[in-house]
C-alpha atoms as a PDB file:
ATOM      1  CA  MET A   1       1.280  64.891   4.231  1.00  0.00           C
ATOM      2  CA  ARG A   2       3.097  63.803   7.399  1.00  0.00           C
ATOM      3  CA  GLN A   3      -0.014  61.980   8.546  1.00  0.00           C
ATOM      4  CA  GLN A   4      -0.126  59.988   5.295  1.00  0.00           C
ATOM      5  CA  VAL A   5       3.545  59.007   5.711  1.00  0.00           C
ATOM      6  CA  PHE A   6       2.900  57.936   9.306  1.00  0.00           C
ATOM      7  CA  LEU A   7      -0.084  55.865   8.274  1.00  0.00           C
ATOM      8  CA  ARG A   8       1.936  54.172   5.540  1.00  0.00           C
ATOM      9  CA  LYS A   9       4.717  53.333   8.049  1.00  0.00           C
ATOM     10  CA  ASN A  10       2.161  52.186  10.653  1.00  0.00           C
ATOM     11  CA  TRP A  11       0.489  49.866   8.144  1.00  0.00           C
ATOM     12  CA  PHE A  12       3.895  48.468   7.268  1.00  0.00           C
ATOM     13  CA  LEU A  13       4.603  47.621  10.934  1.00  0.00           C
ATOM     14  CA  LYS A  14       1.180  46.060  11.294  1.00  0.00           C
ATOM     15  CA  LEU A  15       1.699  43.927   8.225  1.00  0.00           C
ATOM     16  CA  LEU A  16       5.132  42.892   9.479  1.00  0.00           C
ATOM     17  CA  SER A  17       3.701  41.878  12.864  1.00  0.00           C
ATOM     18  CA  LEU A  18       0.910  39.992  11.169  1.00  0.00           C
ATOM     19  CA  GLY A  19       3.460  38.163   9.068  1.00  0.00           C
ATOM     20  CA  PHE A  20       5.449  37.090  12.138  1.00  0.00           C
ATOM     21  CA  ALA A  21       2.248  35.988  13.888  1.00  0.00           C
ATOM     22  CA  LEU A  22       1.248  33.923  10.872  1.00  0.00           C
ATOM     23  CA  LEU A  23       4.696  32.344  10.712  1.00  0.00           C
ATOM     24  CA  LEU A  24       4.540  31.488  14.430  1.00  0.00           C
ATOM     25  CA  TRP A  25       1.038  30.085  14.029  1.00  0.00           C
ATOM     26  CA  PHE A  26       2.096  27.961  11.073  1.00  0.00           C
ATOM     27  CA  PHE A  27       5.122  26.784  13.084  1.00  0.00           C
ATOM     28  CA  VAL A  28       3.014  25.759  16.067  1.00  0.00           C
ATOM     29  CA  VAL A  29       0.195  24.253  14.026  1.00  0.00           C
ATOM     30  CA  GLY A  30       2.497  22.646  11.538  1.00  0.00           C
ATOM     31  CA  GLU A  31       4.900  21.161  14.120  1.00  0.00           C
ATOM     32  CA  GLN A  32       4.436  17.476  14.824  1.00  0.00           C
ATOM     33  CA  LYS A  33       2.369  16.909  17.939  1.00  0.00           C
ATOM     34  CA  ALA A  34       2.687  13.996  20.326  1.00  0.00           C
ATOM     35  CA  GLU A  35       1.047  12.349  23.310  1.00  0.00           C
ATOM     36  CA  ILE A  36       3.647  11.959  26.060  1.00  0.00           C
ATOM     37  CA  SER A  37       3.503  10.852  29.701  1.00  0.00           C
ATOM     38  CA  ILE A  38       5.465  12.995  32.158  1.00  0.00           C
ATOM     39  CA  SER A  39       6.051  12.773  35.912  1.00  0.00           C
ATOM     40  CA  VAL A  40       4.994  15.836  37.887  1.00  0.00           C
ATOM     41  CA  PRO A  41       6.284  16.254  41.480  1.00  0.00           C
ATOM     42  CA  LEU A  42       3.785  16.993  44.261  1.00  0.00           C
ATOM     43  CA  GLU A  43       4.578  19.562  46.941  1.00  0.00           C
ATOM     44  CA  ILE A  44       2.406  19.837  50.052  1.00  0.00           C
ATOM     45  CA  ILE A  45       2.507  23.187  51.838  1.00  0.00           C
ATOM     46  CA  ASN A  46       0.946  24.903  54.851  1.00  0.00           C
ATOM     47  CA  ILE A  47       0.379  21.792  56.978  1.00  0.00           C
ATOM     48  CA  PRO A  48      -1.065  23.020  60.334  1.00  0.00           C
ATOM     49  CA  THR A  49       1.689  22.996  62.978  1.00  0.00           C
ATOM     50  CA  ASP A  50      -0.257  20.729  65.353  1.00  0.00           C
ATOM     51  CA  LEU A  51      -1.076  18.158  62.658  1.00  0.00           C
ATOM     52  CA  VAL A  52       0.926  15.663  60.622  1.00  0.00           C
ATOM     53  CA  ILE A  53       0.302  13.437  57.588  1.00  0.00           C
ATOM     54  CA  SER A  54      -0.120   9.808  58.696  1.00  0.00           C
ATOM     55  CA  ASN A  55      -0.561   8.016  55.362  1.00  0.00           C
ATOM     56  CA  ASP A  56       1.617   7.423  52.319  1.00  0.00           C
ATOM     57  CA  VAL A  57       1.139  10.240  49.840  1.00  0.00           C
ATOM     58  CA  PRO A  58       2.654   9.852  46.356  1.00  0.00           C
ATOM     59  CA  SER A  59       5.554  12.169  45.654  1.00  0.00           C
ATOM     60  CA  ASN A  60       4.682  12.360  41.942  1.00  0.00           C
ATOM     61  CA  ILE A  61       1.703  12.087  39.630  1.00  0.00           C
ATOM     62  CA  ASP A  62       1.773  10.780  36.054  1.00  0.00           C
ATOM     63  CA  VAL A  63       0.289  13.226  33.540  1.00  0.00           C
ATOM     64  CA  THR A  64      -0.335  12.368  29.892  1.00  0.00           C
ATOM     65  CA  VAL A  65      -0.071  15.567  27.832  1.00  0.00           C
ATOM     66  CA  TYR A  66      -0.702  16.342  24.170  1.00  0.00           C
ATOM     67  CA  GLY A  67       0.982  19.100  22.200  1.00  0.00           C
ATOM     68  CA  PRO A  68       4.013  20.120  20.151  1.00  0.00           C
ATOM     69  CA  ARG A  69       7.050  18.063  21.024  1.00  0.00           C
ATOM     70  CA  SER A  70       9.290  21.115  21.377  1.00  0.00           C
ATOM     71  CA  MET A  71       6.950  22.735  23.899  1.00  0.00           C
ATOM     72  CA  ILE A  72       6.615  19.537  25.929  1.00  0.00           C
ATOM     73  CA  ARG A  73      10.391  19.151  25.889  1.00  0.00           C
ATOM     74  CA  ALA A  74      10.909  22.746  27.031  1.00  0.00           C
ATOM     75  CA  MET A  75       8.256  22.339  29.720  1.00  0.00           C
ATOM     76  CA  THR A  76       9.865  19.229  31.186  1.00  0.00           C
ATOM     77  CA  THR A  77      13.327  20.812  31.045  1.00  0.00           C
ATOM     78  CA  LYS A  78      12.121  23.883  32.905  1.00  0.00           C
ATOM     79  CA  GLY A  79      10.224  21.737  35.387  1.00  0.00           C
ATOM     80  CA  ILE A  80       6.583  21.648  36.375  1.00  0.00           C
ATOM     81  CA  LEU A  81       5.249  21.304  39.917  1.00  0.00           C
ATOM     82  CA  LYS A  82       1.827  20.651  41.434  1.00  0.00           C
ATOM     83  CA  VAL A  83       1.331  22.332  44.816  1.00  0.00           C
ATOM     84  CA  ILE A  84      -1.268  21.109  47.330  1.00  0.00           C
ATOM     85  CA  ASP A  85      -2.166  23.731  49.944  1.00  0.00           C
ATOM     86  CA  LEU A  86      -3.420  22.347  53.286  1.00  0.00           C
ATOM     87  CA  LYS A  87      -3.864  25.731  54.952  1.00  0.00           C
ATOM     88  CA  ASP A  88      -7.473  25.077  56.007  1.00  0.00           C
ATOM     89  CA  ALA A  89      -7.194  21.296  56.484  1.00  0.00           C
ATOM     90  CA  GLU A  90      -8.513  19.618  59.652  1.00  0.00           C
ATOM     91  CA  ILE A  91      -8.026  16.291  61.446  1.00  0.00           C
ATOM     92  CA  GLY A  92      -9.180  13.368  59.333  1.00  0.00           C
ATOM     93  CA  LYS A  93      -9.146  12.392  55.680  1.00  0.00           C
ATOM     94  CA  THR A  94      -8.936  14.962  52.915  1.00  0.00           C
ATOM     95  CA  THR A  95      -9.251  14.123  49.226  1.00  0.00           C
ATOM     96  CA  VAL A  96      -7.613  16.548  46.820  1.00  0.00           C
ATOM     97  CA  HIS A  97      -8.808  16.360  43.209  1.00  0.00           C
ATOM     98  CA  ILE A  98      -6.254  17.295  40.567  1.00  0.00           C
ATOM     99  CA  SER A  99      -7.904  18.514  37.393  1.00  0.00           C
ATOM    100  CA  PRO A 100      -6.175  19.333  34.081  1.00  0.00           C
ATOM    101  CA  ASP A 101      -7.012  22.999  34.608  1.00  0.00           C
ATOM    102  CA  SER A 102      -5.097  23.039  37.896  1.00  0.00           C
ATOM    103  CA  LEU A 103      -1.802  22.303  36.118  1.00  0.00           C
ATOM    104  CA  SER A 104       0.332  25.140  34.793  1.00  0.00           C
ATOM    105  CA  LEU A 105       0.818  24.061  31.175  1.00  0.00           C
ATOM    106  CA  PRO A 106       1.717  26.114  28.077  1.00  0.00           C
ATOM    107  CA  GLY A 107      -1.290  27.142  25.997  1.00  0.00           C
ATOM    108  CA  ALA A 108      -0.601  24.703  23.166  1.00  0.00           C
ATOM    109  CA  VAL A 109      -0.180  21.767  25.583  1.00  0.00           C
ATOM    110  CA  ARG A 110      -3.139  20.150  27.303  1.00  0.00           C
ATOM    111  CA  ALA A 111      -3.467  17.392  29.870  1.00  0.00           C
ATOM    112  CA  LEU A 112      -5.323  14.286  28.726  1.00  0.00           C
ATOM    113  CA  ARG A 113      -5.036  11.992  31.741  1.00  0.00           C
ATOM    114  CA  ILE A 114      -3.814  12.340  35.340  1.00  0.00           C
ATOM    115  CA  GLN A 115      -2.915   9.323  37.454  1.00  0.00           C
ATOM    116  CA  PRO A 116      -3.784   9.431  40.271  1.00  0.00           C
ATOM    117  CA  SER A 117      -6.204  12.291  39.906  1.00  0.00           C
ATOM    118  CA  ASN A 118      -7.376  12.083  43.531  1.00  0.00           C
ATOM    119  CA  ILE A 119      -4.826  12.368  46.338  1.00  0.00           C
ATOM    120  CA  GLU A 120      -5.930  11.106  49.746  1.00  0.00           C
ATOM    121  CA  ILE A 121      -4.308  12.815  52.727  1.00  0.00           C
ATOM    122  CA  VAL A 122      -4.939  11.744  56.338  1.00  0.00           C
ATOM    123  CA  LEU A 123      -4.087  14.253  59.062  1.00  0.00           C
ATOM    124  CA  GLU A 124      -3.620  13.330  62.731  1.00  0.00           C
ATOM    125  CA  PRO A 125      -2.527  15.178  65.864  1.00  0.00           C
ATOM    126  CA  LEU A 126       1.257  15.541  66.100  1.00  0.00           C
ATOM    127  CA  VAL A 127       2.623  13.994  69.329  1.00  0.00           C
ATOM    128  CA  LEU A 128       6.062  13.435  70.873  1.00  0.00           C
ATOM    129  CA  SER A 129       7.335  10.431  72.809  1.00  0.00           C
ATOM    130  CA  ASP A 130      10.580   8.675  73.677  1.00  0.00           C
ATOM    131  CA  PHE A 131      11.451   5.049  72.965  1.00  0.00           C
ATOM    132  CA  PRO A 132      14.310   2.640  73.682  1.00  0.00           C
ATOM    133  CA  VAL A 133      16.864   2.149  70.925  1.00  0.00           C
ATOM    134  CA  ARG A 134      17.285  -1.494  69.886  1.00  0.00           C
ATOM    135  CA  PRO A 135      20.424  -2.502  67.994  1.00  0.00           C
ATOM    136  CA  VAL A 136      19.861  -4.704  64.952  1.00  0.00           C
ATOM    137  CA  LEU A 137      22.624  -7.236  64.300  1.00  0.00           C
ATOM    138  CA  LYS A 138      23.350  -9.135  61.094  1.00  0.00           C
ATOM    139  CA  GLY A 139      25.862 -11.788  60.147  1.00  0.00           C
ATOM    140  CA  THR A 140      27.631 -14.132  62.533  1.00  0.00           C
ATOM    141  CA  VAL A 141      30.419 -13.917  65.073  1.00  0.00           C
ATOM    142  CA  ALA A 142      33.508 -16.120  65.056  1.00  0.00           C
ATOM    143  CA  LYS A 143      33.103 -19.857  65.520  1.00  0.00           C
ATOM    144  CA  TYR A 144      32.560 -20.949  69.123  1.00  0.00           C
ATOM    145  CA  HIS A 145      31.583 -17.388  70.118  1.00  0.00           C
ATOM    146  CA  LYS A 146      28.244 -15.686  70.765  1.00  0.00           C
ATOM    147  CA  VAL A 147      26.801 -12.232  71.407  1.00  0.00           C
ATOM    148  CA  LEU A 148      26.264 -11.818  75.138  1.00  0.00           C
ATOM    149  CA  ASP A 149      24.437  -8.474  74.999  1.00  0.00           C
ATOM    150  CA  THR A 150      24.588  -4.938  73.591  1.00  0.00           C
ATOM    151  CA  ASP A 151      24.774  -1.433  75.056  1.00  0.00           C
ATOM    152  CA  VAL A 152      23.497   1.744  73.376  1.00  0.00           C
ATOM    153  CA  ASP A 153      24.535   5.294  74.217  1.00  0.00           C
ATOM    154  CA  PRO A 154      22.214   7.158  74.486  1.00  0.00           C
ATOM    155  CA  PRO A 155      19.744   4.356  75.213  1.00  0.00           C
ATOM    156  CA  ARG A 156      16.570   6.276  74.247  1.00  0.00           C
ATOM    157  CA  VAL A 157      15.388   8.599  71.466  1.00  0.00           C
ATOM    158  CA  VAL A 158      12.643  11.239  71.228  1.00  0.00           C
ATOM    159  CA  VAL A 159      10.508  11.153  68.070  1.00  0.00           C
ATOM    160  CA  SER A 160       7.446  12.987  66.799  1.00  0.00           C
ATOM    161  CA  GLY A 161       4.721  11.648  64.567  1.00  0.00           C
ATOM    162  CA  PRO A 162       1.033  10.838  64.102  1.00  0.00           C
ATOM    163  CA  GLU A 163      -0.793   9.879  67.278  1.00  0.00           C
ATOM    164  CA  SER A 164      -1.817   6.433  65.994  1.00  0.00           C
ATOM    165  CA  VAL A 165       1.729   5.603  64.880  1.00  0.00           C
ATOM    166  CA  ILE A 166       3.313   6.712  68.162  1.00  0.00           C
ATOM    167  CA  LYS A 167       0.814   4.675  70.202  1.00  0.00           C
ATOM    168  CA  ALA A 168       1.643   1.518  68.221  1.00  0.00           C
ATOM    169  CA  MET A 169       5.419   1.863  68.583  1.00  0.00           C
ATOM    170  CA  LYS A 170       7.535   0.163  71.249  1.00  0.00           C
ATOM    171  CA  GLU A 171      11.103   0.838  70.101  1.00  0.00           C
ATOM    172  CA  ILE A 172      13.280   2.395  67.422  1.00  0.00           C
ATOM    173  CA  LYS A 173      15.711   0.105  65.601  1.00  0.00           C
ATOM    174  CA  THR A 174      19.190   0.952  64.393  1.00  0.00           C
ATOM    175  CA  PHE A 175      20.465   0.255  60.926  1.00  0.00           C
ATOM    176  CA  PRO A 176      21.951  -3.284  60.808  1.00  0.00           C
ATOM    177  CA  ILE A 177      25.348  -3.775  62.459  1.00  0.00           C
ATOM    178  CA  ASP A 178      27.524  -6.392  60.740  1.00  0.00           C
ATOM    179  CA  LEU A 179      29.081  -8.851  63.197  1.00  0.00           C
ATOM    180  CA  ASP A 180      31.594  -9.850  60.510  1.00  0.00           C
ATOM    181  CA  GLY A 181      33.106 -12.817  62.354  1.00  0.00           C
ATOM    182  CA  ALA A 182      34.058 -10.797  65.450  1.00  0.00           C
ATOM    183  CA  SER A 183      35.514 -12.656  68.435  1.00  0.00           C
ATOM    184  CA  ASP A 184      35.895  -9.702  70.833  1.00  0.00           C
ATOM    185  CA  ASP A 185      33.798  -6.758  71.985  1.00  0.00           C
ATOM    186  CA  PHE A 186      33.533  -3.910  69.480  1.00  0.00           C
ATOM    187  CA  THR A 187      31.890  -0.478  69.236  1.00  0.00           C
ATOM    188  CA  LYS A 188      30.165   1.082  66.229  1.00  0.00           C
ATOM    189  CA  GLU A 189      28.434   4.386  65.506  1.00  0.00           C
ATOM    190  CA  VAL A 190      25.081   3.824  63.792  1.00  0.00           C
ATOM    191  CA  GLY A 191      22.004   5.704  62.672  1.00  0.00           C
ATOM    192  CA  LEU A 192      18.371   4.986  63.463  1.00  0.00           C
ATOM    193  CA  ASP A 193      16.238   3.283  60.834  1.00  0.00           C
ATOM    194  CA  ILE A 194      12.945   5.181  60.557  1.00  0.00           C
ATOM    195  CA  GLN A 195      12.429   4.427  56.870  1.00  0.00           C
ATOM    196  CA  GLY A 196       8.799   3.622  56.136  1.00  0.00           C
ATOM    197  CA  ILE A 197       7.691   4.992  59.516  1.00  0.00           C
ATOM    198  CA  HIS A 198       5.855   8.312  59.641  1.00  0.00           C
ATOM    199  CA  VAL A 199       7.991   9.735  62.454  1.00  0.00           C
ATOM    200  CA  SER A 200      10.773  12.287  62.739  1.00  0.00           C
ATOM    201  CA  LEU A 201      13.768  12.429  65.060  1.00  0.00           C
ATOM    202  CA  GLU A 202      13.599  15.411  67.397  1.00  0.00           C
ATOM    203  CA  GLU A 203      17.354  15.385  67.998  1.00  0.00           C
ATOM    204  CA  LYS A 204      20.140  14.491  65.606  1.00  0.00           C
ATOM    205  CA  LYS A 205      22.373  12.452  67.892  1.00  0.00           C
ATOM    206  CA  LYS A 206      25.092   9.901  67.340  1.00  0.00           C
ATOM    207  CA  TYR A 207      24.247   6.462  68.695  1.00  0.00           C
ATOM    208  CA  ILE A 208      27.140   4.322  69.880  1.00  0.00           C
ATOM    209  CA  VAL A 209      26.480   0.582  70.092  1.00  0.00           C
ATOM    210  CA  THR A 210      28.833  -1.714  71.993  1.00  0.00           C
ATOM    211  CA  VAL A 211      28.501  -5.406  71.162  1.00  0.00           C
ATOM    212  CA  HIS A 212      29.739  -7.787  73.868  1.00  0.00           C
ATOM    213  CA  ILE A 213      31.031 -11.107  72.523  1.00  0.00           C
ATOM    214  CA  VAL A 214      32.038 -14.075  74.673  1.00  0.00           C
ATOM    215  CA  PRO A 215      33.276 -17.607  73.982  1.00  0.00           C
ATOM    216  CA  VAL A 216      30.599 -20.286  73.840  1.00  0.00           C
ATOM    217  CA  GLN A 217      30.810 -22.530  76.897  1.00  0.00           C
ATOM    218  CA  GLY A 218      30.601 -26.293  76.549  1.00  0.00           C
ATOM    219  CA  THR A 219      31.297 -29.539  78.365  1.00  0.00           C
ATOM    220  CA  ARG A 220      33.524 -32.444  77.485  1.00  0.00           C
ATOM    221  CA  ARG A 221      34.345 -35.772  79.073  1.00  0.00           C
ATOM    222  CA  ILE A 222      38.051 -36.672  79.051  1.00  0.00           C
ATOM    223  CA  THR A 223      38.944 -40.306  79.720  1.00  0.00           C
ATOM    224  CA  HIS A 224      42.045 -42.328  80.592  1.00  0.00           C
ATOM    225  CA  ILE A 225      43.547 -39.801  82.977  1.00  0.00           C
ATOM    226  CA  PRO A 226      46.212 -41.599  85.071  1.00  0.00           C
ATOM    227  CA  VAL A 227      45.890 -41.448  88.854  1.00  0.00           C
ATOM    228  CA  GLN A 228      49.170 -40.306  90.419  1.00  0.00           C
ATOM    229  CA  ILE A 229      50.288 -41.356  93.920  1.00  0.00           C
ATOM    230  CA  GLU A 230      52.549 -39.094  95.941  1.00  0.00           C
ATOM    231  CA  THR A 231      54.810 -41.853  97.337  1.00  0.00           C
ATOM    232  CA  ASN A 232      56.774 -44.435  95.453  1.00  0.00           C
ATOM    233  CA  GLN A 233      55.935 -47.339  97.725  1.00  0.00           C
ATOM    234  CA  SER A 234      56.008 -50.305  95.442  1.00  0.00           C
ATOM    235  CA  ASP A 235      53.708 -52.415  97.585  1.00  0.00           C
ATOM    236  CA  VAL A 236      50.957 -49.790  97.902  1.00  0.00           C
ATOM    237  CA  LEU A 237      48.140 -50.673  95.574  1.00  0.00           C
ATOM    238  CA  TRP A 238      45.352 -48.409  94.226  1.00  0.00           C
ATOM    239  CA  TRP A 239      42.593 -48.770  91.743  1.00  0.00           C
ATOM    240  CA  PRO A 240      41.380 -47.769  89.325  1.00  0.00           C
ATOM    241  CA  LYS A 241      44.582 -46.572  87.754  1.00  0.00           C
ATOM    242  CA  VAL A 242      42.763 -44.167  85.434  1.00  0.00           C
ATOM    243  CA  VAL A 243      39.696 -41.963  85.796  1.00  0.00           C
ATOM    244  CA  SER A 244      37.542 -39.770  83.578  1.00  0.00           C
ATOM    245  CA  VAL A 245      36.539 -36.172  84.240  1.00  0.00           C
ATOM    246  CA  THR A 246      33.897 -33.850  82.820  1.00  0.00           C
ATOM    247  CA  LEU A 247      34.995 -30.247  82.316  1.00  0.00           C
ATOM    248  CA  ARG A 248      33.149 -27.075  81.410  1.00  0.00           C
ATOM    249  CA  GLY A 249      34.855 -24.200  79.600  1.00  0.00           C
ATOM    250  CA  PRO A 250      35.315 -22.334  76.309  1.00  0.00           C
ATOM    251  CA  MET A 251      34.414 -24.576  73.364  1.00  0.00           C
ATOM    252  CA  LEU A 252      37.332 -23.210  71.372  1.00  0.00           C
ATOM    253  CA  ASP A 253      39.814 -24.540  73.964  1.00  0.00           C
ATOM    254  CA  ILE A 254      38.013 -27.522  75.419  1.00  0.00           C
ATOM    255  CA  ARG A 255      38.366 -29.391  72.135  1.00  0.00           C
ATOM    256  CA  GLU A 256      42.154 -29.237  72.430  1.00  0.00           C
ATOM    257  CA  ILE A 257      42.549 -30.407  76.027  1.00  0.00           C
ATOM    258  CA  LYS A 258      44.424 -33.704  76.567  1.00  0.00           C
ATOM    259  CA  PRO A 259      44.520 -36.160  79.492  1.00  0.00           C
ATOM    260  CA  THR A 260      48.063 -35.002  80.278  1.00  0.00           C
ATOM    261  CA  ASP A 261      46.743 -31.460  80.866  1.00  0.00           C
ATOM    262  CA  ILE A 262      44.838 -32.700  83.924  1.00  0.00           C
ATOM    263  CA  TYR A 263      46.356 -33.854  87.211  1.00  0.00           C
ATOM    264  CA  VAL A 264      44.586 -36.471  89.323  1.00  0.00           C
ATOM    265  CA  GLY A 265      46.434 -37.705  92.421  1.00  0.00           C
ATOM    266  CA  ILE A 266      46.123 -39.204  95.894  1.00  0.00           C
ATOM    267  CA  SER A 267      48.341 -39.159  98.956  1.00  0.00           C
ATOM    268  CA  VAL A 268      48.914 -42.198 101.204  1.00  0.00           C
ATOM    269  CA  ILE A 269      51.316 -40.482 103.586  1.00  0.00           C
ATOM    270  CA  GLY A 270      50.304 -41.040 107.222  1.00  0.00           C
ATOM    271  CA  LEU A 271      47.615 -43.586 106.484  1.00  0.00           C
ATOM    272  CA  GLU A 272      47.133 -46.700 108.598  1.00  0.00           C
ATOM    273  CA  PRO A 273      47.557 -50.108 106.973  1.00  0.00           C
ATOM    274  CA  GLY A 274      44.537 -51.577 105.320  1.00  0.00           C
ATOM    275  CA  THR A 275      42.102 -50.557 102.627  1.00  0.00           C
ATOM    276  CA  HIS A 276      41.085 -46.908 102.216  1.00  0.00           C
ATOM    277  CA  SER A 277      38.716 -45.026  99.936  1.00  0.00           C
ATOM    278  CA  LEU A 278      40.264 -41.676  99.034  1.00  0.00           C
ATOM    279  CA  GLU A 279      38.836 -38.735  97.143  1.00  0.00           C
ATOM    280  CA  PRO A 280      41.488 -37.751  94.596  1.00  0.00           C
ATOM    281  CA  GLU A 281      42.781 -34.254  94.090  1.00  0.00           C
ATOM    282  CA  CYS A 282      42.035 -32.957  90.590  1.00  0.00           C
ATOM    283  CA  ILE A 283      43.757 -29.920  89.067  1.00  0.00           C
ATOM    284  CA  VAL A 284      42.473 -28.617  85.715  1.00  0.00           C
ATOM    285  CA  PRO A 285      43.600 -25.678  83.534  1.00  0.00           C
ATOM    286  CA  GLU A 286      42.549 -22.287  84.904  1.00  0.00           C
ATOM    287  CA  GLU A 287      39.805 -21.492  82.368  1.00  0.00           C
ATOM    288  CA  PHE A 288      37.949 -24.764  83.022  1.00  0.00           C
ATOM    289  CA  ILE A 289      35.573 -25.911  85.754  1.00  0.00           C
ATOM    290  CA  LEU A 290      35.585 -29.490  87.040  1.00  0.00           C
ATOM    291  CA  MET A 291      32.024 -30.791  86.797  1.00  0.00           C
ATOM    292  CA  GLU A 292      32.531 -34.476  87.645  1.00  0.00           C
ATOM    293  CA  ILE A 293      35.174 -37.135  88.243  1.00  0.00           C
ATOM    294  CA  ILE A 294      34.447 -40.830  87.747  1.00  0.00           C
ATOM    295  CA  PRO A 295      34.916 -42.693  89.965  1.00  0.00           C
ATOM    296  CA  LYS A 296      34.690 -40.222  92.835  1.00  0.00           C
ATOM    297  CA  ASN A 297      36.945 -42.269  95.089  1.00  0.00           C
ATOM    298  CA  ILE A 298      40.128 -44.286  94.652  1.00  0.00           C
ATOM    299  CA  LYS A 299      40.625 -47.435  96.706  1.00  0.00           C
ATOM    300  CA  VAL A 300      44.067 -47.852  98.297  1.00  0.00           C
ATOM    301  CA  ASN A 301      45.538 -50.905  99.984  1.00  0.00           C
ATOM    302  CA  ILE A 302      48.504 -50.396 102.323  1.00  0.00           C
ATOM    303  CA  PRO A 303      50.212 -53.683 103.334  1.00  0.00           C
ATOM    304  CA  GLU A 304      51.181 -54.299 106.989  1.00  0.00           C
ATOM    305  CA  LYS A 305      54.880 -54.537 106.230  1.00  0.00           C
ATOM    306  CA  LYS A 306      54.973 -50.994 104.954  1.00  0.00           C
ATOM    307  CA  ILE A 307      53.414 -49.395 108.038  1.00  0.00           C
ATOM    308  CA  LYS A 308      56.681 -48.403 109.677  1.00  0.00           C
ATOM    309  CA  GLU A 309      58.193 -47.182 106.411  1.00  0.00           C
ATOM    310  CA  LEU A 310      55.130 -45.088 105.586  1.00  0.00           C
ATOM    311  CA  LYS A 311      55.031 -43.564 109.063  1.00  0.00           C
ATOM    312  CA  GLU A 312      58.707 -42.661 108.826  1.00  0.00           C
ATOM    313  CA  SER A 313      58.036 -41.023 105.461  1.00  0.00           C
ATOM    314  CA  GLY A 314      55.257 -39.049 107.129  1.00  0.00           C
ATOM    315  CA  ASP A 315      57.536 -37.962 109.984  1.00  0.00           C
ATOM    316  CA  HIS A 316      60.034 -36.597 107.514  1.00  0.00           C
END
């Protein structure tokens, strides 16, 4: 009697389970299915410690799947990953084929297409080397200024990477430093730009770049500078009365210089009567260099009647 009751209850549970299974099956089969393209990340593991990848490997693959929309949505929300194990890989090129069966997909979802389905991986010996750091500048400095040079502290960097890449390298560049119209020296902390290069920095250091900026030097000829004479002897004659000079100095300032900013003079004190050719004294502002004076000599005529007067002036 008890056995009959148990059997009746057991059959009831079986029928109930069968009903739920049928409902689930109808739900899955009856749900609208779709063909959807999803992006699946690639993860490479177990790279031998003495080797390194030297080519560009895609970070994702595009997989076209077919199945119930709800399952595909749940799958993408949860996340799906394709792992490539390089445990037994050797130096050279390895091609990894990704088949639909190698993807962990729910039973009702299947992969139709994988792009790319073959992943090429090139392994090379891992080597270390050090290189000079070269600052990269962008923009322009202030008008009439130029960059003289740059200093980097520390001046070199140690990197690791594929043997072929390291052998082809000569330097490591910084991220661009904006000159931004600077007219004086300035210092900036920058990082190293290794984007697109298959190398890694061995040390995470701060790199300080000092940019040295100086005024641009130029030359200019200034004319009509009066020649001064140190005595007021009315009968002493000299010619020419004006000269021109060529100066070298900062372009920013040389444009503003005037003839009155320059002194050109001669002295006739103590000279004998007659005609003399004197080299004039020329005094220019401190930041400028006198390149040339035209003419180089000033002719002076001292009349006979002024000899005694000039000598007395010299004695005083």
